[in-house]
PDB file of all heavy atoms in Angstrom:
ATOM      1  N   SER A   1      45.823 -84.375  41.291  1.00  0.00           N
ATOM      2  CA  SER A   1      45.079 -84.162  42.521  1.00  0.00           C
ATOM      3  C   SER A   1      43.963 -85.194  42.631  1.00  0.00           C
ATOM      4  O   SER A   1      43.214 -85.412  41.674  1.00  0.00           O
ATOM      5  CB  SER A   1      44.485 -82.755  42.562  1.00  0.00           C
ATOM      6  OG  SER A   1      45.510 -81.793  42.507  1.00  0.00           O
ATOM      7  N   PRO A   2      43.840 -85.874  43.770  1.00  0.00           N
ATOM      8  CA  PRO A   2      42.781 -86.873  43.918  1.00  0.00           C
ATOM      9  C   PRO A   2      41.408 -86.226  43.963  1.00  0.00           C
ATOM     10  O   PRO A   2      41.249 -85.067  44.348  1.00  0.00           O
ATOM     11  CB  PRO A   2      43.124 -87.557  45.249  1.00  0.00           C
ATOM     12  CG  PRO A   2      43.899 -86.528  46.009  1.00  0.00           C
ATOM     13  CD  PRO A   2      44.661 -85.735  44.974  1.00  0.00           C
ATOM     14  N   VAL A   3      40.410 -87.002  43.572  1.00  0.00           N
ATOM     15  CA  VAL A   3      39.019 -86.543  43.619  1.00  0.00           C
ATOM     16  C   VAL A   3      38.442 -86.922  44.974  1.00  0.00           C
ATOM     17  O   VAL A   3      38.524 -88.084  45.399  1.00  0.00           O
ATOM     18  CB  VAL A   3      38.186 -87.178  42.488  1.00  0.00           C
ATOM     19  CG1 VAL A   3      36.739 -86.729  42.579  1.00  0.00           C
ATOM     20  CG2 VAL A   3      38.789 -86.811  41.131  1.00  0.00           C
ATOM     21  N   ARG A   4      37.847 -85.952  45.653  1.00  0.00           N
ATOM     22  CA  ARG A   4      37.297 -86.216  46.985  1.00  0.00           C
ATOM     23  C   ARG A   4      35.793 -86.435  46.876  1.00  0.00           C
ATOM     24  O   ARG A   4      35.071 -85.615  46.319  1.00  0.00           O
ATOM     25  CB  ARG A   4      37.591 -85.042  47.918  1.00  0.00           C
ATOM     26  CG  ARG A   4      39.079 -84.845  48.190  1.00  0.00           C
ATOM     27  CD  ARG A   4      39.315 -83.585  48.977  1.00  0.00           C
ATOM     28  NE  ARG A   4      38.654 -83.650  50.255  1.00  0.00           N
ATOM     29  CZ  ARG A   4      38.367 -82.593  51.004  1.00  0.00           C
ATOM     30  NH1 ARG A   4      38.648 -81.389  50.563  1.00  0.00           N
ATOM     31  NH2 ARG A   4      37.773 -82.728  52.165  1.00  0.00           N
ATOM     32  N   GLU A   5      35.360 -87.579  47.412  1.00  0.00           N
ATOM     33  CA  GLU A   5      33.941 -87.894  47.452  1.00  0.00           C
ATOM     34  C   GLU A   5      33.663 -88.680  48.719  1.00  0.00           C
ATOM     35  O   GLU A   5      34.585 -89.077  49.444  1.00  0.00           O
ATOM     36  CB  GLU A   5      33.530 -88.700  46.223  1.00  0.00           C
ATOM     37  CG  GLU A   5      34.293 -90.017  46.070  1.00  0.00           C
ATOM     38  CD  GLU A   5      33.946 -90.730  44.780  1.00  0.00           C
ATOM     39  OE1 GLU A   5      34.159 -90.143  43.699  1.00  0.00           O
ATOM     40  OE2 GLU A   5      33.453 -91.874  44.881  1.00  0.00           O
ATOM     41  N   SER A   6      32.391 -88.870  49.002  1.00  0.00           N
ATOM     42  CA  SER A   6      32.013 -89.578  50.216  1.00  0.00           C
ATOM     43  C   SER A   6      32.380 -91.055  50.093  1.00  0.00           C
ATOM     44  O   SER A   6      32.036 -91.718  49.105  1.00  0.00           O
ATOM     45  CB  SER A   6      30.511 -89.420  50.468  1.00  0.00           C
ATOM     46  OG  SER A   6      30.137 -90.088  51.658  1.00  0.00           O
ATOM     47  N   VAL A   7      33.091 -91.590  51.100  1.00  0.00           N
ATOM     48  CA  VAL A   7      33.548 -92.976  51.101  1.00  0.00           C
ATOM     49  C   VAL A   7      33.101 -93.633  52.405  1.00  0.00           C
ATOM     50  O   VAL A   7      33.304 -93.078  53.490  1.00  0.00           O
ATOM     51  CB  VAL A   7      35.091 -93.053  50.979  1.00  0.00           C
ATOM     52  CG1 VAL A   7      35.554 -94.503  51.048  1.00  0.00           C
ATOM     53  CG2 VAL A   7      35.557 -92.405  49.683  1.00  0.00           C
ATOM     54  N   ASP A   8      32.485 -94.801  52.280  1.00  0.00           N
ATOM     55  CA  ASP A   8      32.125 -95.602  53.454  1.00  0.00           C
ATOM     56  C   ASP A   8      33.392 -96.303  53.927  1.00  0.00           C
ATOM     57  O   ASP A   8      33.793 -97.350  53.395  1.00  0.00           O
ATOM     58  CB  ASP A   8      31.040 -96.616  53.094  1.00  0.00           C
ATOM     59  CG  ASP A   8      30.472 -97.314  54.321  1.00  0.00           C
ATOM     60  OD1 ASP A   8      31.167 -97.342  55.361  1.00  0.00           O
ATOM     61  OD2 ASP A   8      29.349 -97.832  54.252  1.00  0.00           O
ATOM     62  N   LEU A   9      34.037 -95.720  54.933  1.00  0.00           N
ATOM     63  CA  LEU A   9      35.354 -96.193  55.351  1.00  0.00           C
ATOM     64  C   LEU A   9      35.319 -97.637  55.873  1.00  0.00           C
ATOM     65  O   LEU A   9      36.157 -98.450  55.463  1.00  0.00           O
ATOM     66  CB  LEU A   9      35.929 -95.237  56.392  1.00  0.00           C
ATOM     67  CG  LEU A   9      37.422 -95.364  56.686  1.00  0.00           C
ATOM     68  CD1 LEU A   9      38.234 -95.212  55.411  1.00  0.00           C
ATOM     69  CD2 LEU A   9      37.842 -94.301  57.703  1.00  0.00           C
ATOM     70  N   PRO A  10      34.409 -98.023  56.761  1.00  0.00           N
ATOM     71  CA  PRO A  10      34.394 -99.426  57.224  1.00  0.00           C
ATOM     72  C   PRO A  10      34.172-100.420  56.088  1.00  0.00           C
ATOM     73  O   PRO A  10      34.791-101.490  56.059  1.00  0.00           O
ATOM     74  CB  PRO A  10      33.241 -99.443  58.235  1.00  0.00           C
ATOM     75  CG  PRO A  10      33.090 -98.037  58.677  1.00  0.00           C
ATOM     76  CD  PRO A  10      33.422 -97.208  57.489  1.00  0.00           C
ATOM     77  N   ASP A  11      33.322-100.073  55.143  1.00  0.00           N
ATOM     78  CA  ASP A  11      33.058-100.981  54.029  1.00  0.00           C
ATOM     79  C   ASP A  11      34.306-101.150  53.166  1.00  0.00           C
ATOM     80  O   ASP A  11      34.631-102.268  52.731  1.00  0.00           O
ATOM     81  CB  ASP A  11      31.900-100.448  53.192  1.00  0.00           C
ATOM     82  CG  ASP A  11      31.547-101.360  52.025  1.00  0.00           C
ATOM     83  OD1 ASP A  11      31.072-102.489  52.286  1.00  0.00           O
ATOM     84  OD2 ASP A  11      31.767-100.959  50.878  1.00  0.00           O
ATOM     85  N   LEU A  12      35.022-100.052  52.915  1.00  0.00           N
ATOM     86  CA  LEU A  12      36.237-100.132  52.112  1.00  0.00           C
ATOM     87  C   LEU A  12      37.301-100.971  52.805  1.00  0.00           C
ATOM     88  O   LEU A  12      37.959-101.822  52.187  1.00  0.00           O
ATOM     89  CB  LEU A  12      36.762 -98.724  51.835  1.00  0.00           C
ATOM     90  CG  LEU A  12      38.057 -98.620  51.021  1.00  0.00           C
ATOM     91  CD1 LEU A  12      37.845 -99.185  49.625  1.00  0.00           C
ATOM     92  CD2 LEU A  12      38.532 -97.169  50.944  1.00  0.00           C
ATOM     93  N   VAL A  13      37.474-100.753  54.123  1.00  0.00           N
ATOM     94  CA  VAL A  13      38.477-101.518  54.872  1.00  0.00           C
ATOM     95  C   VAL A  13      38.108-102.998  54.901  1.00  0.00           C
ATOM     96  O   VAL A  13      38.964-103.883  54.770  1.00  0.00           O
ATOM     97  CB  VAL A  13      38.623-100.946  56.291  1.00  0.00           C
ATOM     98  CG1 VAL A  13      39.580-101.807  57.122  1.00  0.00           C
ATOM     99  CG2 VAL A  13      39.135 -99.512  56.242  1.00  0.00           C
ATOM    100  N   THR A  14      36.834-103.292  55.055  1.00  0.00           N
ATOM    101  CA  THR A  14      36.392-104.690  55.091  1.00  0.00           C
ATOM    102  C   THR A  14      36.726-105.408  53.793  1.00  0.00           C
ATOM    103  O   THR A  14      37.185-106.559  53.790  1.00  0.00           O
ATOM    104  CB  THR A  14      34.881-104.746  55.360  1.00  0.00           C
ATOM    105  OG1 THR A  14      34.591-104.111  56.613  1.00  0.00           O
ATOM    106  CG2 THR A  14      34.406-106.192  55.424  1.00  0.00           C
ATOM    107  N   LYS A  15      36.514-104.760  52.663  1.00  0.00           N
ATOM    108  CA  LYS A  15      36.827-105.376  51.368  1.00  0.00           C
ATOM    109  C   LYS A  15      38.327-105.612  51.224  1.00  0.00           C
ATOM    110  O   LYS A  15      38.750-106.641  50.667  1.00  0.00           O
ATOM    111  CB  LYS A  15      36.319-104.489  50.236  1.00  0.00           C
ATOM    112  CG  LYS A  15      34.799-104.396  50.162  1.00  0.00           C
ATOM    113  CD  LYS A  15      34.361-103.466  49.036  1.00  0.00           C
ATOM    114  CE  LYS A  15      32.833-103.356  48.980  1.00  0.00           C
ATOM    115  NZ  LYS A  15      32.388-102.420  47.912  1.00  0.00           N
ATOM    116  N   ILE A  16      39.121-104.679  51.696  1.00  0.00           N
ATOM    117  CA  ILE A  16      40.575-104.856  51.591  1.00  0.00           C
ATOM    118  C   ILE A  16      41.045-105.986  52.492  1.00  0.00           C
ATOM    119  O   ILE A  16      41.872-106.827  52.096  1.00  0.00           O
ATOM    120  CB  ILE A  16      41.290-103.536  51.948  1.00  0.00           C
ATOM    121  CG1 ILE A  16      40.936-102.444  50.932  1.00  0.00           C
ATOM    122  CG2 ILE A  16      42.795-103.724  51.992  1.00  0.00           C
ATOM    123  CD1 ILE A  16      41.465-101.073  51.280  1.00  0.00           C
ATOM    124  N   VAL A  17      40.514-106.028  53.720  1.00  0.00           N
ATOM    125  CA  VAL A  17      40.910-107.083  54.655  1.00  0.00           C
ATOM    126  C   VAL A  17      40.513-108.454  54.121  1.00  0.00           C
ATOM    127  O   VAL A  17      41.216-109.461  54.321  1.00  0.00           O
ATOM    128  CB  VAL A  17      40.288-106.809  56.039  1.00  0.00           C
ATOM    129  CG1 VAL A  17      40.516-107.986  56.978  1.00  0.00           C
ATOM    130  CG2 VAL A  17      40.879-105.538  56.637  1.00  0.00           C
ATOM    131  N   ALA A  18      39.378-108.519  53.420  1.00  0.00           N
ATOM    132  CA  ALA A  18      38.932-109.806  52.872  1.00  0.00           C
ATOM    133  C   ALA A  18      39.940-110.362  51.874  1.00  0.00           C
ATOM    134  O   ALA A  18      40.073-111.597  51.743  1.00  0.00           O
ATOM    135  CB  ALA A  18      37.564-109.638  52.217  1.00  0.00           C
ATOM    136  N   ASP A  19      40.663-109.499  51.166  1.00  0.00           N
ATOM    137  CA  ASP A  19      41.665-109.976  50.209  1.00  0.00           C
ATOM    138  C   ASP A  19      42.851-110.630  50.902  1.00  0.00           C
ATOM    139  O   ASP A  19      43.600-111.390  50.254  1.00  0.00           O
ATOM    140  CB  ASP A  19      42.149-108.811  49.343  1.00  0.00           C
ATOM    141  CG  ASP A  19      41.032-108.245  48.467  1.00  0.00           C
ATOM    142  OD1 ASP A  19      40.078-108.988  48.187  1.00  0.00           O
ATOM    143  OD2 ASP A  19      41.121-107.059  48.080  1.00  0.00           O
ATOM    144  N   TYR A  20      43.062-110.300  52.181  1.00  0.00           N
ATOM    145  CA  TYR A  20      44.181-110.893  52.922  1.00  0.00           C
ATOM    146  C   TYR A  20      43.735-112.044  53.823  1.00  0.00           C
ATOM    147  O   TYR A  20      44.514-112.528  54.640  1.00  0.00           O
ATOM    148  CB  TYR A  20      44.854-109.825  53.793  1.00  0.00           C
ATOM    149  CG  TYR A  20      45.614-108.785  53.012  1.00  0.00           C
ATOM    150  CD1 TYR A  20      44.998-107.598  52.624  1.00  0.00           C
ATOM    151  CD2 TYR A  20      46.946-108.972  52.667  1.00  0.00           C
ATOM    152  CE1 TYR A  20      45.697-106.624  51.917  1.00  0.00           C
ATOM    153  CE2 TYR A  20      47.648-108.011  51.963  1.00  0.00           C
ATOM    154  CZ  TYR A  20      47.012-106.841  51.592  1.00  0.00           C
ATOM    155  OH  TYR A  20      47.708-105.874  50.884  1.00  0.00           O
ATOM    156  N   SER A  21      42.486-112.472  53.704  1.00  0.00           N
ATOM    157  CA  SER A  21      41.965-113.502  54.611  1.00  0.00           C
ATOM    158  C   SER A  21      42.651-114.852  54.419  1.00  0.00           C
ATOM    159  O   SER A  21      42.709-115.667  55.351  1.00  0.00           O
ATOM    160  CB  SER A  21      40.448-113.650  54.420  1.00  0.00           C
ATOM    161  OG  SER A  21      40.161-114.016  53.062  1.00  0.00           O
ATOM    162  N   LYS A  22      43.178-115.110  53.224  1.00  0.00           N
ATOM    163  CA  LYS A  22      43.819-116.393  52.958  1.00  0.00           C
ATOM    164  C   LYS A  22      45.293-116.400  53.336  1.00  0.00           C
ATOM    165  O   LYS A  22      45.952-117.436  53.203  1.00  0.00           O
ATOM    166  CB  LYS A  22      43.666-116.742  51.480  1.00  0.00           C
ATOM    167  CG  LYS A  22      42.219-116.930  51.040  1.00  0.00           C
ATOM    168  CD  LYS A  22      42.145-117.273  49.564  1.00  0.00           C
ATOM    169  CE  LYS A  22      40.693-117.452  49.125  1.00  0.00           C
ATOM    170  NZ  LYS A  22      40.579-117.797  47.669  1.00  0.00           N
ATOM    171  N   ASP A  23      45.813-115.275  53.758  1.00  0.00           N
ATOM    172  CA  ASP A  23      47.224-115.199  54.150  1.00  0.00           C
ATOM    173  C   ASP A  23      47.367-115.715  55.574  1.00  0.00           C
ATOM    174  O   ASP A  23      46.907-115.079  56.535  1.00  0.00           O
ATOM    175  CB  ASP A  23      47.713-113.751  54.046  1.00  0.00           C
ATOM    176  CG  ASP A  23      49.228-113.650  54.116  1.00  0.00           C
ATOM    177  OD1 ASP A  23      49.863-114.568  54.668  1.00  0.00           O
ATOM    178  OD2 ASP A  23      49.777-112.643  53.621  1.00  0.00           O
ATOM    179  N   ALA A  24      48.014-116.874  55.754  1.00  0.00           N
ATOM    180  CA  ALA A  24      48.138-117.485  57.081  1.00  0.00           C
ATOM    181  C   ALA A  24      49.088-116.727  57.988  1.00  0.00           C
ATOM    182  O   ALA A  24      49.014-116.861  59.216  1.00  0.00           O
ATOM    183  CB  ALA A  24      48.596-118.942  56.932  1.00  0.00           C
ATOM    184  N   ASP A  25      49.989-115.943  57.413  1.00  0.00           N
ATOM    185  CA  ASP A  25      50.968-115.214  58.220  1.00  0.00           C
ATOM    186  C   ASP A  25      50.459-113.835  58.652  1.00  0.00           C
ATOM    187  O   ASP A  25      51.203-113.085  59.280  1.00  0.00           O
ATOM    188  CB  ASP A  25      52.266-115.038  57.429  1.00  0.00           C
ATOM    189  CG  ASP A  25      52.929-116.371  57.129  1.00  0.00           C
ATOM    190  OD1 ASP A  25      52.671-117.331  57.882  1.00  0.00           O
ATOM    191  OD2 ASP A  25      53.673-116.439  56.138  1.00  0.00           O
ATOM    192  N   LEU A  26      49.239-113.479  58.311  1.00  0.00           N
ATOM    193  CA  LEU A  26      48.705-112.147  58.620  1.00  0.00           C
ATOM    194  C   LEU A  26      47.348-112.283  59.302  1.00  0.00           C
ATOM    195  O   LEU A  26      46.449-112.967  58.792  1.00  0.00           O
ATOM    196  CB  LEU A  26      48.563-111.324  57.328  1.00  0.00           C
ATOM    197  CG  LEU A  26      47.981-109.923  57.467  1.00  0.00           C
ATOM    198  CD1 LEU A  26      48.867-109.049  58.333  1.00  0.00           C
ATOM    199  CD2 LEU A  26      47.787-109.290  56.089  1.00  0.00           C
ATOM    200  N   ARG A  27      47.221-111.626  60.432  1.00  0.00           N
ATOM    201  CA  ARG A  27      45.955-111.613  61.162  1.00  0.00           C
ATOM    202  C   ARG A  27      45.553-110.164  61.390  1.00  0.00           C
ATOM    203  O   ARG A  27      46.305-109.386  61.969  1.00  0.00           O
ATOM    204  CB  ARG A  27      46.090-112.342  62.497  1.00  0.00           C
ATOM    205  CG  ARG A  27      44.781-112.372  63.292  1.00  0.00           C
ATOM    206  CD  ARG A  27      44.996-113.020  64.644  1.00  0.00           C
ATOM    207  NE  ARG A  27      43.759-113.028  65.425  1.00  0.00           N
ATOM    208  CZ  ARG A  27      43.680-113.415  66.707  1.00  0.00           C
ATOM    209  NH1 ARG A  27      44.766-113.837  67.327  1.00  0.00           N
ATOM    210  NH2 ARG A  27      42.530-113.383  67.337  1.00  0.00           N
ATOM    211  N   ILE A  28      44.354-109.807  60.932  1.00  0.00           N
ATOM    212  CA  ILE A  28      43.869-108.425  61.025  1.00  0.00           C
ATOM    213  C   ILE A  28      42.595-108.408  61.853  1.00  0.00           C
ATOM    214  O   ILE A  28      41.654-109.162  61.576  1.00  0.00           O
ATOM    215  CB  ILE A  28      43.598-107.824  59.631  1.00  0.00           C
ATOM    216  CG1 ILE A  28      44.875-107.861  58.782  1.00  0.00           C
ATOM    217  CG2 ILE A  28      43.084-106.398  59.750  1.00  0.00           C
ATOM    218  CD1 ILE A  28      44.672-107.345  57.372  1.00  0.00           C
ATOM    219  N   ARG A  29      42.569-107.573  62.862  1.00  0.00           N
ATOM    220  CA  ARG A  29      41.383-107.385  63.695  1.00  0.00           C
ATOM    221  C   ARG A  29      40.844-105.974  63.457  1.00  0.00           C
ATOM    222  O   ARG A  29      41.608-105.011  63.435  1.00  0.00           O
ATOM    223  CB  ARG A  29      41.713-107.582  65.177  1.00  0.00           C
ATOM    224  CG  ARG A  29      42.126-108.998  65.542  1.00  0.00           C
ATOM    225  CD  ARG A  29      42.395-109.106  67.038  1.00  0.00           C
ATOM    226  NE  ARG A  29      43.587-108.347  67.408  1.00  0.00           N
ATOM    227  CZ  ARG A  29      44.807-108.877  67.480  1.00  0.00           C
ATOM    228  NH1 ARG A  29      44.995-110.172  67.203  1.00  0.00           N
ATOM    229  NH2 ARG A  29      45.841-108.141  67.826  1.00  0.00           N
ATOM    230  N   MET A  30      39.526-105.860  63.299  1.00  0.00           N
ATOM    231  CA  MET A  30      38.901-104.569  63.091  1.00  0.00           C
ATOM    232  C   MET A  30      37.489-104.595  63.677  1.00  0.00           C
ATOM    233  O   MET A  30      36.896-105.669  63.833  1.00  0.00           O
ATOM    234  CB  MET A  30      38.845-104.220  61.601  1.00  0.00           C
ATOM    235  CG  MET A  30      38.015-105.151  60.749  1.00  0.00           C
ATOM    236  SD  MET A  30      37.831-104.542  59.057  1.00  0.00           S
ATOM    237  CE  MET A  30      36.863-103.060  59.339  1.00  0.00           C
ATOM    238  N   PRO A  31      36.934-103.422  64.040  1.00  0.00           N
ATOM    239  CA  PRO A  31      35.586-103.396  64.626  1.00  0.00           C
ATOM    240  C   PRO A  31      34.544-103.832  63.624  1.00  0.00           C
ATOM    241  O   PRO A  31      34.665-103.596  62.413  1.00  0.00           O
ATOM    242  CB  PRO A  31      35.405-101.930  65.045  1.00  0.00           C
ATOM    243  CG  PRO A  31      36.372-101.171  64.187  1.00  0.00           C
ATOM    244  CD  PRO A  31      37.535-102.087  63.972  1.00  0.00           C
ATOM    245  N   SER A  32      33.502-104.467  64.131  1.00  0.00           N
ATOM    246  CA  SER A  32      32.465-105.003  63.244  1.00  0.00           C
ATOM    247  C   SER A  32      31.287-104.061  63.064  1.00  0.00           C
ATOM    248  O   SER A  32      30.498-104.235  62.143  1.00  0.00           O
ATOM    249  CB  SER A  32      31.963-106.347  63.799  1.00  0.00           C
ATOM    250  OG  SER A  32      31.455-106.177  65.127  1.00  0.00           O
ATOM    251  N   ASN A  33      31.124-103.085  63.946  1.00  0.00           N
ATOM    252  CA  ASN A  33      29.944-102.213  63.883  1.00  0.00           C
ATOM    253  C   ASN A  33      30.303-100.746  63.683  1.00  0.00           C
ATOM    254  O   ASN A  33      29.542 -99.859  64.064  1.00  0.00           O
ATOM    255  CB  ASN A  33      29.109-102.372  65.152  1.00  0.00           C
ATOM    256  CG  ASN A  33      29.926-102.063  66.411  1.00  0.00           C
ATOM    257  OD1 ASN A  33      31.148-101.921  66.336  1.00  0.00           O
ATOM    258  ND2 ASN A  33      29.248-101.965  67.543  1.00  0.00           N
ATOM    259  N   ALA A  34      31.474-100.469  63.120  1.00  0.00           N
ATOM    260  CA  ALA A  34      31.897 -99.073  62.930  1.00  0.00           C
ATOM    261  C   ALA A  34      31.131 -98.452  61.771  1.00  0.00           C
ATOM    262  O   ALA A  34      30.802 -99.116  60.786  1.00  0.00           O
ATOM    263  CB  ALA A  34      33.398 -99.004  62.672  1.00  0.00           C
ATOM    264  N   GLU A  35      30.865 -97.147  61.902  1.00  0.00           N
ATOM    265  CA  GLU A  35      30.204 -96.385  60.851  1.00  0.00           C
ATOM    266  C   GLU A  35      30.910 -95.040  60.720  1.00  0.00           C
ATOM    267  O   GLU A  35      31.037 -94.309  61.700  1.00  0.00           O
ATOM    268  CB  GLU A  35      28.721 -96.162  61.166  1.00  0.00           C
ATOM    269  CG  GLU A  35      27.886 -97.430  61.193  1.00  0.00           C
ATOM    270  CD  GLU A  35      26.422 -97.139  61.487  1.00  0.00           C
ATOM    271  OE1 GLU A  35      26.096 -95.940  61.661  1.00  0.00           O
ATOM    272  OE2 GLU A  35      25.622 -98.081  61.542  1.00  0.00           O
ATOM    273  N   ALA A  36      31.349 -94.738  59.518  1.00  0.00           N
ATOM    274  CA  ALA A  36      32.041 -93.461  59.285  1.00  0.00           C
ATOM    275  C   ALA A  36      32.063 -93.176  57.789  1.00  0.00           C
ATOM    276  O   ALA A  36      32.368 -94.065  56.983  1.00  0.00           O
ATOM    277  CB  ALA A  36      33.463 -93.501  59.841  1.00  0.00           C
ATOM    278  N   GLN A  37      31.738 -91.942  57.439  1.00  0.00           N
ATOM    279  CA  GLN A  37      31.783 -91.475  56.060  1.00  0.00           C
ATOM    280  C   GLN A  37      32.877 -90.407  55.961  1.00  0.00           C
ATOM    281  O   GLN A  37      32.825 -89.402  56.659  1.00  0.00           O
ATOM    282  CB  GLN A  37      30.437 -90.902  55.630  1.00  0.00           C
ATOM    283  CG  GLN A  37      29.290 -91.899  55.640  1.00  0.00           C
ATOM    284  CD  GLN A  37      29.393 -92.892  54.502  1.00  0.00           C
ATOM    285  OE1 GLN A  37      29.926 -92.575  53.445  1.00  0.00           O
ATOM    286  NE2 GLN A  37      28.883 -94.093  54.709  1.00  0.00           N
ATOM    287  N   ALA A  38      33.862 -90.648  55.111  1.00  0.00           N
ATOM    288  CA  ALA A  38      34.978 -89.719  54.961  1.00  0.00           C
ATOM    289  C   ALA A  38      34.993 -89.151  53.545  1.00  0.00           C
ATOM    290  O   ALA A  38      34.482 -89.769  52.602  1.00  0.00           O
ATOM    291  CB  ALA A  38      36.299 -90.413  55.261  1.00  0.00           C
ATOM    292  N   LEU A  39      35.588 -87.972  53.404  1.00  0.00           N
ATOM    293  CA  LEU A  39      35.785 -87.358  52.093  1.00  0.00           C
ATOM    294  C   LEU A  39      37.168 -87.737  51.595  1.00  0.00           C
ATOM    295  O   LEU A  39      38.183 -87.296  52.151  1.00  0.00           O
ATOM    296  CB  LEU A  39      35.641 -85.838  52.187  1.00  0.00           C
ATOM    297  CG  LEU A  39      34.243 -85.300  52.491  1.00  0.00           C
ATOM    298  CD1 LEU A  39      34.274 -83.779  52.592  1.00  0.00           C
ATOM    299  CD2 LEU A  39      33.248 -85.736  51.423  1.00  0.00           C
ATOM    300  N   ALA A  40      37.227 -88.558  50.555  1.00  0.00           N
ATOM    301  CA  ALA A  40      38.504 -89.039  50.046  1.00  0.00           C
ATOM    302  C   ALA A  40      38.312 -89.588  48.643  1.00  0.00           C
ATOM    303  O   ALA A  40      37.185 -89.734  48.150  1.00  0.00           O
ATOM    304  CB  ALA A  40      39.081 -90.114  50.976  1.00  0.00           C
ATOM    305  N   ASP A  41      39.435 -89.889  48.005  1.00  0.00           N
ATOM    306  CA  ASP A  41      39.432 -90.571  46.724  1.00  0.00           C
ATOM    307  C   ASP A  41      39.422 -92.070  47.009  1.00  0.00           C
ATOM    308  O   ASP A  41      40.374 -92.598  47.605  1.00  0.00           O
ATOM    309  CB  ASP A  41      40.683 -90.180  45.930  1.00  0.00           C
ATOM    310  CG  ASP A  41      40.654 -90.715  44.505  1.00  0.00           C
ATOM    311  OD1 ASP A  41      40.249 -91.881  44.328  1.00  0.00           O
ATOM    312  OD2 ASP A  41      41.040 -89.978  43.587  1.00  0.00           O
ATOM    313  N   PRO A  42      38.384 -92.799  46.613  1.00  0.00           N
ATOM    314  CA  PRO A  42      38.293 -94.224  46.985  1.00  0.00           C
ATOM    315  C   PRO A  42      39.495 -95.033  46.513  1.00  0.00           C
ATOM    316  O   PRO A  42      40.033 -95.850  47.264  1.00  0.00           O
ATOM    317  CB  PRO A  42      36.995 -94.676  46.309  1.00  0.00           C
ATOM    318  CG  PRO A  42      36.206 -93.436  46.089  1.00  0.00           C
ATOM    319  CD  PRO A  42      37.199 -92.354  45.860  1.00  0.00           C
ATOM    320  N   LEU A  43      39.934 -94.813  45.263  1.00  0.00           N
ATOM    321  CA  LEU A  43      41.054 -95.580  44.741  1.00  0.00           C
ATOM    322  C   LEU A  43      42.340 -95.250  45.484  1.00  0.00           C
ATOM    323  O   LEU A  43      43.104 -96.150  45.862  1.00  0.00           O
ATOM    324  CB  LEU A  43      41.206 -95.308  43.240  1.00  0.00           C
ATOM    325  CG  LEU A  43      42.342 -96.058  42.533  1.00  0.00           C
ATOM    326  CD1 LEU A  43      42.155 -97.566  42.678  1.00  0.00           C
ATOM    327  CD2 LEU A  43      42.416 -95.655  41.066  1.00  0.00           C
ATOM    328  N   GLU A  44      42.585 -93.937  45.708  1.00  0.00           N
ATOM    329  CA  GLU A  44      43.794 -93.530  46.423  1.00  0.00           C
ATOM    330  C   GLU A  44      43.772 -94.036  47.857  1.00  0.00           C
ATOM    331  O   GLU A  44      44.800 -94.483  48.389  1.00  0.00           O
ATOM    332  CB  GLU A  44      43.938 -92.003  46.396  1.00  0.00           C
ATOM    333  CG  GLU A  44      44.173 -91.415  45.021  1.00  0.00           C
ATOM    334  CD  GLU A  44      45.563 -91.722  44.492  1.00  0.00           C
ATOM    335  OE1 GLU A  44      46.403 -92.202  45.277  1.00  0.00           O
ATOM    336  OE2 GLU A  44      45.795 -91.506  43.295  1.00  0.00           O
ATOM    337  N   LEU A  45      42.602 -93.968  48.500  1.00  0.00           N
ATOM    338  CA  LEU A  45      42.504 -94.436  49.880  1.00  0.00           C
ATOM    339  C   LEU A  45      42.733 -95.946  49.954  1.00  0.00           C
ATOM    340  O   LEU A  45      43.346 -96.442  50.913  1.00  0.00           O
ATOM    341  CB  LEU A  45      41.129 -94.065  50.450  1.00  0.00           C
ATOM    342  CG  LEU A  45      40.917 -94.331  51.935  1.00  0.00           C
ATOM    343  CD1 LEU A  45      41.973 -93.627  52.769  1.00  0.00           C
ATOM    344  CD2 LEU A  45      39.522 -93.875  52.364  1.00  0.00           C
ATOM    345  N   GLN A  46      42.247 -96.677  48.977  1.00  0.00           N
ATOM    346  CA  GLN A  46      42.486 -98.119  48.948  1.00  0.00           C
ATOM    347  C   GLN A  46      43.992 -98.408  48.820  1.00  0.00           C
ATOM    348  O   GLN A  46      44.528 -99.286  49.503  1.00  0.00           O
ATOM    349  CB  GLN A  46      41.726 -98.756  47.789  1.00  0.00           C
ATOM    350  CG  GLN A  46      41.913-100.267  47.679  1.00  0.00           C
ATOM    351  CD  GLN A  46      41.098-100.853  46.545  1.00  0.00           C
ATOM    352  OE1 GLN A  46      40.311-100.146  45.907  1.00  0.00           O
ATOM    353  NE2 GLN A  46      41.264-102.136  46.294  1.00  0.00           N
TER     354      GLN A  46
END
């Protein structure tokens, strides 16, 4: 069972998207000023 804790969702998504920034075949658009705290397992959500 995953552990649920507070996760800064925009920050987590931003870090993941940054790993794909060098991929020329992939373009990801996401909001720049979003704020949301979710209850989830950070590793599982990643």
